[in-house]
């Protein structure tokens, strides 16, 4: 059972990047995963796609507390691929994420330190370019308010780093919002003051929600 953490980063969608080091091609594939089984299935898919490659090394973290971790050097010298890749994921707080680095050997040996640098930099550079999201333990709810002050409510939400998911216009305005749980109490107090007690935040769901980075 995973421990709940306040937040973690993950890739929004499958992303691929490539770099060439001393004539060897290093192709990095980043994949958002749901659990351990999902990671294993995606590793098989990528390994099949690049079945002619010299190595398909991987690392992944498949729970939200970073306690479920796996890696593989896939034939590279022990400790030169999987662990460096995993360390990058951990340093960047990337959970529920799989990284596979596919290598096509170019004829020049890199040595142990060179391999560590190549595999770690491949994952790091891919994460620099990939679309990432901040998965935050938060609430999603609705605020019903009059037209006269709904824009002020939206501004208050922004002040507390919440996000406006949807706006429904009818006789009144319904704002569908998500807000970090640690901001909830103070935000509700300010909302009551702003609306003179006419509006409250009705919580519909609680869990991990994606926020822009």
C-alpha atoms as a PDB file:
ATOM      1  CA  UNK A   1       0.000   0.000   0.000  1.00  0.00           C
ATOM      2  CA  UNK A   2       1.482   3.345  -1.020  1.00  0.00           C
ATOM      3  CA  UNK A   3       1.898   6.232   1.385  1.00  0.00           C
ATOM      4  CA  UNK A   4       0.234   9.473   0.375  1.00  0.00           C
ATOM      5  CA  UNK A   5       2.686  12.238  -0.466  1.00  0.00           C
ATOM      6  CA  UNK A   6       1.732  15.882  -0.947  1.00  0.00           C
ATOM      7  CA  UNK A   7       2.733  15.990  -4.588  1.00  0.00           C
ATOM      8  CA  UNK A   8       4.806  14.428  -7.322  1.00  0.00           C
ATOM      9  CA  UNK A   9       5.668  15.144 -10.945  1.00  0.00           C
ATOM     10  CA  UNK A  10       4.873  12.928 -13.911  1.00  0.00           C
ATOM     11  CA  UNK A  11       4.882  13.117 -17.686  1.00  0.00           C
ATOM     12  CA  UNK A  12       1.558  14.203 -19.122  1.00  0.00           C
ATOM     13  CA  UNK A  13       1.887  11.924 -22.148  1.00  0.00           C
ATOM     14  CA  UNK A  14       4.358   9.606 -23.879  1.00  0.00           C
ATOM     15  CA  UNK A  15       7.423  11.589 -24.894  1.00  0.00           C
ATOM     16  CA  UNK A  16      10.528  10.604 -26.842  1.00  0.00           C
ATOM     17  CA  UNK A  17      13.927  12.268 -27.160  1.00  0.00           C
ATOM     18  CA  UNK A  18      17.253  11.264 -28.692  1.00  0.00           C
ATOM     19  CA  UNK A  19      20.894  12.168 -28.356  1.00  0.00           C
ATOM     20  CA  UNK A  20      24.084  10.810 -29.969  1.00  0.00           C
ATOM     21  CA  UNK A  21      27.199  10.279 -27.847  1.00  0.00           C
ATOM     22  CA  UNK A  22      30.372   8.992 -29.516  1.00  0.00           C
ATOM     23  CA  UNK A  23      28.325   7.573 -32.385  1.00  0.00           C
ATOM     24  CA  UNK A  24      25.960   5.632 -30.089  1.00  0.00           C
ATOM     25  CA  UNK A  25      22.275   6.588 -30.320  1.00  0.00           C
ATOM     26  CA  UNK A  26      20.438   6.951 -27.018  1.00  0.00           C
ATOM     27  CA  UNK A  27      16.663   7.109 -27.482  1.00  0.00           C
ATOM     28  CA  UNK A  28      14.701   7.969 -24.343  1.00  0.00           C
ATOM     29  CA  UNK A  29      11.015   7.121 -24.023  1.00  0.00           C
ATOM     30  CA  UNK A  30       9.083   8.551 -21.073  1.00  0.00           C
ATOM     31  CA  UNK A  31       5.712   7.001 -20.282  1.00  0.00           C
ATOM     32  CA  UNK A  32       3.060   7.897 -17.661  1.00  0.00           C
ATOM     33  CA  UNK A  33       2.090   4.674 -15.872  1.00  0.00           C
ATOM     34  CA  UNK A  34      -0.814   3.572 -13.686  1.00  0.00           C
ATOM     35  CA  UNK A  35       0.931   0.843 -11.659  1.00  0.00           C
ATOM     36  CA  UNK A  36       3.658  -1.813 -11.702  1.00  0.00           C
ATOM     37  CA  UNK A  37       1.881  -4.008 -14.250  1.00  0.00           C
ATOM     38  CA  UNK A  38       1.374  -1.059 -16.591  1.00  0.00           C
ATOM     39  CA  UNK A  39       5.103  -0.300 -16.428  1.00  0.00           C
ATOM     40  CA  UNK A  40       6.034  -3.903 -17.243  1.00  0.00           C
ATOM     41  CA  UNK A  41       3.628  -3.981 -20.193  1.00  0.00           C
ATOM     42  CA  UNK A  42       5.047  -0.740 -21.609  1.00  0.00           C
ATOM     43  CA  UNK A  43       8.611  -2.027 -21.234  1.00  0.00           C
ATOM     44  CA  UNK A  44       7.650  -5.058 -23.330  1.00  0.00           C
ATOM     45  CA  UNK A  45       6.050  -2.846 -25.996  1.00  0.00           C
ATOM     46  CA  UNK A  46       9.100  -0.573 -26.253  1.00  0.00           C
ATOM     47  CA  UNK A  47      11.538  -3.510 -26.241  1.00  0.00           C
ATOM     48  CA  UNK A  48       9.583  -5.073 -29.106  1.00  0.00           C
ATOM     49  CA  UNK A  49       9.582  -1.774 -31.016  1.00  0.00           C
ATOM     50  CA  UNK A  50      13.372  -1.552 -30.655  1.00  0.00           C
ATOM     51  CA  UNK A  51      14.099  -5.282 -30.788  1.00  0.00           C
ATOM     52  CA  UNK A  52      17.170  -4.644 -32.961  1.00  0.00           C
ATOM     53  CA  UNK A  53      18.760  -2.283 -30.423  1.00  0.00           C
ATOM     54  CA  UNK A  54      21.856  -3.182 -28.430  1.00  0.00           C
ATOM     55  CA  UNK A  55      20.187  -2.395 -25.087  1.00  0.00           C
ATOM     56  CA  UNK A  56      16.779  -1.327 -23.760  1.00  0.00           C
ATOM     57  CA  UNK A  57      17.526  -0.151 -20.219  1.00  0.00           C
ATOM     58  CA  UNK A  58      14.768   1.092 -17.941  1.00  0.00           C
ATOM     59  CA  UNK A  59      13.836   2.602 -14.608  1.00  0.00           C
ATOM     60  CA  UNK A  60      10.432   3.370 -13.141  1.00  0.00           C
ATOM     61  CA  UNK A  61       8.634   4.473  -9.990  1.00  0.00           C
ATOM     62  CA  UNK A  62       5.146   3.012  -9.882  1.00  0.00           C
ATOM     63  CA  UNK A  63       3.563   4.465  -6.761  1.00  0.00           C
ATOM     64  CA  UNK A  64       3.039   7.950  -5.375  1.00  0.00           C
ATOM     65  CA  UNK A  65       5.466   7.664  -2.463  1.00  0.00           C
ATOM     66  CA  UNK A  66       8.458   6.492  -4.545  1.00  0.00           C
ATOM     67  CA  UNK A  67       8.750   3.255  -2.547  1.00  0.00           C
ATOM     68  CA  UNK A  68       8.017   0.968  -5.512  1.00  0.00           C
ATOM     69  CA  UNK A  69      11.004   1.220  -7.849  1.00  0.00           C
ATOM     70  CA  UNK A  70      12.531  -1.052 -10.489  1.00  0.00           C
ATOM     71  CA  UNK A  71      15.415  -0.747 -12.940  1.00  0.00           C
ATOM     72  CA  UNK A  72      17.435  -2.804 -15.409  1.00  0.00           C
ATOM     73  CA  UNK A  73      20.849  -2.445 -17.073  1.00  0.00           C
ATOM     74  CA  UNK A  74      19.760  -4.869 -19.840  1.00  0.00           C
ATOM     75  CA  UNK A  75      23.273  -6.130 -20.499  1.00  0.00           C
ATOM     76  CA  UNK A  76      25.212  -2.951 -19.827  1.00  0.00           C
ATOM     77  CA  UNK A  77      27.862  -3.210 -17.052  1.00  0.00           C
ATOM     78  CA  UNK A  78      26.145  -3.426 -13.670  1.00  0.00           C
ATOM     79  CA  UNK A  79      25.221  -0.057 -12.199  1.00  0.00           C
ATOM     80  CA  UNK A  80      25.908   1.991 -15.332  1.00  0.00           C
ATOM     81  CA  UNK A  81      22.368   2.414 -16.718  1.00  0.00           C
ATOM     82  CA  UNK A  82      19.306   1.521 -14.631  1.00  0.00           C
ATOM     83  CA  UNK A  83      20.400   3.023 -11.324  1.00  0.00           C
ATOM     84  CA  UNK A  84      21.603   6.341 -12.834  1.00  0.00           C
ATOM     85  CA  UNK A  85      18.286   6.586 -14.689  1.00  0.00           C
ATOM     86  CA  UNK A  86      16.339   5.875 -11.496  1.00  0.00           C
ATOM     87  CA  UNK A  87      18.331   8.486  -9.586  1.00  0.00           C
ATOM     88  CA  UNK A  88      17.285  11.131 -12.107  1.00  0.00           C
ATOM     89  CA  UNK A  89      13.596  10.219 -11.653  1.00  0.00           C
ATOM     90  CA  UNK A  90      13.984  10.393  -7.862  1.00  0.00           C
ATOM     91  CA  UNK A  91      15.863  13.696  -7.961  1.00  0.00           C
ATOM     92  CA  UNK A  92      13.163  15.208 -10.184  1.00  0.00           C
ATOM     93  CA  UNK A  93      10.382  13.815  -7.951  1.00  0.00           C
ATOM     94  CA  UNK A  94       8.891  11.897 -10.900  1.00  0.00           C
ATOM     95  CA  UNK A  95       6.571   9.142  -9.765  1.00  0.00           C
ATOM     96  CA  UNK A  96       4.148   7.027 -11.805  1.00  0.00           C
ATOM     97  CA  UNK A  97       6.680   7.401 -14.601  1.00  0.00           C
ATOM     98  CA  UNK A  98       8.644   4.932 -16.724  1.00  0.00           C
ATOM     99  CA  UNK A  99      11.900   5.814 -18.503  1.00  0.00           C
ATOM    100  CA  UNK A 100      13.349   3.507 -21.142  1.00  0.00           C
ATOM    101  CA  UNK A 101      16.664   4.385 -22.783  1.00  0.00           C
ATOM    102  CA  UNK A 102      17.333   2.447 -25.971  1.00  0.00           C
ATOM    103  CA  UNK A 103      20.950   2.289 -27.123  1.00  0.00           C
ATOM    104  CA  UNK A 104      22.236   1.534 -30.583  1.00  0.00           C
ATOM    105  CA  UNK A 105      25.961   0.927 -30.149  1.00  0.00           C
ATOM    106  CA  UNK A 106      28.072   3.097 -32.449  1.00  0.00           C
ATOM    107  CA  UNK A 107      31.365   1.235 -32.198  1.00  0.00           C
ATOM    108  CA  UNK A 108      33.085   3.357 -29.559  1.00  0.00           C
ATOM    109  CA  UNK A 109      33.154   2.107 -25.963  1.00  0.00           C
ATOM    110  CA  UNK A 110      32.243   4.762 -23.407  1.00  0.00           C
ATOM    111  CA  UNK A 111      33.581   3.147 -20.248  1.00  0.00           C
ATOM    112  CA  UNK A 112      31.666   2.898 -16.983  1.00  0.00           C
ATOM    113  CA  UNK A 113      31.665   6.617 -16.168  1.00  0.00           C
ATOM    114  CA  UNK A 114      30.759   7.496 -19.736  1.00  0.00           C
ATOM    115  CA  UNK A 115      27.794   5.121 -19.662  1.00  0.00           C
ATOM    116  CA  UNK A 116      26.555   6.535 -16.362  1.00  0.00           C
ATOM    117  CA  UNK A 117      26.714  10.038 -17.820  1.00  0.00           C
ATOM    118  CA  UNK A 118      25.035   9.005 -21.056  1.00  0.00           C
ATOM    119  CA  UNK A 119      22.097   7.216 -19.463  1.00  0.00           C
ATOM    120  CA  UNK A 120      21.508   9.799 -16.747  1.00  0.00           C
ATOM    121  CA  UNK A 121      21.753  12.730 -19.152  1.00  0.00           C
ATOM    122  CA  UNK A 122      19.405  11.007 -21.604  1.00  0.00           C
ATOM    123  CA  UNK A 123      16.656  10.867 -18.981  1.00  0.00           C
ATOM    124  CA  UNK A 124      17.443  14.333 -17.628  1.00  0.00           C
ATOM    125  CA  UNK A 125      17.359  15.998 -21.053  1.00  0.00           C
ATOM    126  CA  UNK A 126      14.127  14.213 -21.947  1.00  0.00           C
ATOM    127  CA  UNK A 127      12.497  15.437 -18.731  1.00  0.00           C
ATOM    128  CA  UNK A 128      13.671  18.975 -19.510  1.00  0.00           C
ATOM    129  CA  UNK A 129      11.738  18.866 -22.797  1.00  0.00           C
ATOM    130  CA  UNK A 130       8.757  16.675 -21.882  1.00  0.00           C
ATOM    131  CA  UNK A 131       5.338  18.044 -20.868  1.00  0.00           C
ATOM    132  CA  UNK A 132       5.264  17.548 -17.094  1.00  0.00           C
ATOM    133  CA  UNK A 133       2.443  17.987 -14.613  1.00  0.00           C
ATOM    134  CA  UNK A 134       2.381  18.469 -10.867  1.00  0.00           C
ATOM    135  CA  UNK A 135       0.107  15.857  -9.275  1.00  0.00           C
ATOM    136  CA  UNK A 136      -1.088  17.381  -6.019  1.00  0.00           C
ATOM    137  CA  UNK A 137      -3.153  15.905  -3.206  1.00  0.00           C
ATOM    138  CA  UNK A 138      -6.089  18.256  -3.520  1.00  0.00           C
ATOM    139  CA  UNK A 139      -9.846  18.679  -3.662  1.00  0.00           C
ATOM    140  CA  UNK A 140     -12.160  19.334  -6.571  1.00  0.00           C
ATOM    141  CA  UNK A 141     -15.399  21.129  -5.849  1.00  0.00           C
ATOM    142  CA  UNK A 142     -17.929  23.723  -6.895  1.00  0.00           C
ATOM    143  CA  UNK A 143     -18.519  27.311  -5.891  1.00  0.00           C
ATOM    144  CA  UNK A 144     -21.907  28.850  -6.722  1.00  0.00           C
ATOM    145  CA  UNK A 145     -21.929  32.641  -6.755  1.00  0.00           C
ATOM    146  CA  UNK A 146     -23.667  35.690  -8.187  1.00  0.00           C
ATOM    147  CA  UNK A 147     -22.438  37.364 -11.353  1.00  0.00           C
ATOM    148  CA  UNK A 148     -21.541  40.446  -9.345  1.00  0.00           C
ATOM    149  CA  UNK A 149     -18.519  38.908  -7.662  1.00  0.00           C
ATOM    150  CA  UNK A 150     -17.610  35.678  -9.464  1.00  0.00           C
ATOM    151  CA  UNK A 151     -14.534  37.301 -11.051  1.00  0.00           C
ATOM    152  CA  UNK A 152     -13.299  38.195  -7.574  1.00  0.00           C
ATOM    153  CA  UNK A 153     -13.781  34.554  -6.564  1.00  0.00           C
ATOM    154  CA  UNK A 154     -11.674  33.486  -9.547  1.00  0.00           C
ATOM    155  CA  UNK A 155      -8.976  35.946  -8.499  1.00  0.00           C
ATOM    156  CA  UNK A 156      -9.063  34.576  -4.961  1.00  0.00           C
ATOM    157  CA  UNK A 157      -8.643  31.065  -6.335  1.00  0.00           C
ATOM    158  CA  UNK A 158      -5.598  32.160  -8.333  1.00  0.00           C
ATOM    159  CA  UNK A 159      -4.114  33.790  -5.226  1.00  0.00           C
ATOM    160  CA  UNK A 160      -4.240  30.421  -3.464  1.00  0.00           C
ATOM    161  CA  UNK A 161      -2.692  28.633  -6.479  1.00  0.00           C
ATOM    162  CA  UNK A 162      -5.909  26.833  -7.289  1.00  0.00           C
ATOM    163  CA  UNK A 163      -7.121  26.115 -10.797  1.00  0.00           C
ATOM    164  CA  UNK A 164     -10.406  26.900 -12.507  1.00  0.00           C
ATOM    165  CA  UNK A 165     -11.487  23.704 -14.268  1.00  0.00           C
ATOM    166  CA  UNK A 166     -14.798  24.896 -15.689  1.00  0.00           C
ATOM    167  CA  UNK A 167     -17.285  27.781 -15.503  1.00  0.00           C
ATOM    168  CA  UNK A 168     -21.012  27.171 -15.884  1.00  0.00           C
ATOM    169  CA  UNK A 169     -23.164  30.226 -16.611  1.00  0.00           C
ATOM    170  CA  UNK A 170     -26.847  30.084 -15.642  1.00  0.00           C
ATOM    171  CA  UNK A 171     -28.968  32.184 -13.301  1.00  0.00           C
ATOM    172  CA  UNK A 172     -25.872  32.044 -11.130  1.00  0.00           C
ATOM    173  CA  UNK A 173     -22.275  31.165 -11.919  1.00  0.00           C
ATOM    174  CA  UNK A 174     -20.876  27.776 -10.917  1.00  0.00           C
ATOM    175  CA  UNK A 175     -17.101  27.553 -10.751  1.00  0.00           C
ATOM    176  CA  UNK A 176     -15.622  24.062 -10.855  1.00  0.00           C
ATOM    177  CA  UNK A 177     -12.293  24.369  -9.068  1.00  0.00           C
ATOM    178  CA  UNK A 178      -9.419  22.354  -7.711  1.00  0.00           C
ATOM    179  CA  UNK A 179      -7.394  23.488  -4.731  1.00  0.00           C
ATOM    180  CA  UNK A 180      -4.499  22.104  -2.753  1.00  0.00           C
ATOM    181  CA  UNK A 181      -5.768  20.603   0.464  1.00  0.00           C
ATOM    182  CA  UNK A 182      -3.294  22.550   2.604  1.00  0.00           C
ATOM    183  CA  UNK A 183      -4.846  25.811   1.312  1.00  0.00           C
ATOM    184  CA  UNK A 184      -8.441  24.727   1.838  1.00  0.00           C
ATOM    185  CA  UNK A 185      -9.179  26.132   5.293  1.00  0.00           C
ATOM    186  CA  UNK A 186      -7.866  29.642   4.696  1.00  0.00           C
ATOM    187  CA  UNK A 187      -9.415  29.800   1.215  1.00  0.00           C
ATOM    188  CA  UNK A 188     -12.866  28.917   2.589  1.00  0.00           C
ATOM    189  CA  UNK A 189     -12.594  31.642   5.219  1.00  0.00           C
ATOM    190  CA  UNK A 190     -11.663  34.259   2.611  1.00  0.00           C
ATOM    191  CA  UNK A 191     -14.454  33.047   0.312  1.00  0.00           C
ATOM    192  CA  UNK A 192     -17.070  33.503   3.041  1.00  0.00           C
ATOM    193  CA  UNK A 193     -15.771  37.011   3.762  1.00  0.00           C
ATOM    194  CA  UNK A 194     -15.710  37.934   0.074  1.00  0.00           C
ATOM    195  CA  UNK A 195     -19.265  36.772  -0.581  1.00  0.00           C
ATOM    196  CA  UNK A 196     -20.669  37.958   2.746  1.00  0.00           C
ATOM    197  CA  UNK A 197     -21.456  34.362   3.607  1.00  0.00           C
ATOM    198  CA  UNK A 198     -23.425  33.664   0.415  1.00  0.00           C
ATOM    199  CA  UNK A 199     -20.922  31.276  -1.195  1.00  0.00           C
ATOM    200  CA  UNK A 200     -19.102  28.213   0.031  1.00  0.00           C
ATOM    201  CA  UNK A 201     -16.896  25.601  -1.568  1.00  0.00           C
ATOM    202  CA  UNK A 202     -18.749  22.304  -1.911  1.00  0.00           C
ATOM    203  CA  UNK A 203     -16.172  19.507  -2.054  1.00  0.00           C
ATOM    204  CA  UNK A 204     -17.007  16.790  -4.576  1.00  0.00           C
ATOM    205  CA  UNK A 205     -13.803  14.767  -4.791  1.00  0.00           C
ATOM    206  CA  UNK A 206     -10.477  14.389  -3.018  1.00  0.00           C
ATOM    207  CA  UNK A 207      -7.327  12.835  -4.482  1.00  0.00           C
ATOM    208  CA  UNK A 208      -4.442  13.596  -6.828  1.00  0.00           C
ATOM    209  CA  UNK A 209      -5.251  16.249  -9.413  1.00  0.00           C
ATOM    210  CA  UNK A 210      -2.983  17.637 -12.095  1.00  0.00           C
ATOM    211  CA  UNK A 211      -1.744  21.216 -11.811  1.00  0.00           C
ATOM    212  CA  UNK A 212       0.338  23.070 -14.373  1.00  0.00           C
ATOM    213  CA  UNK A 213       4.029  23.430 -13.582  1.00  0.00           C
END
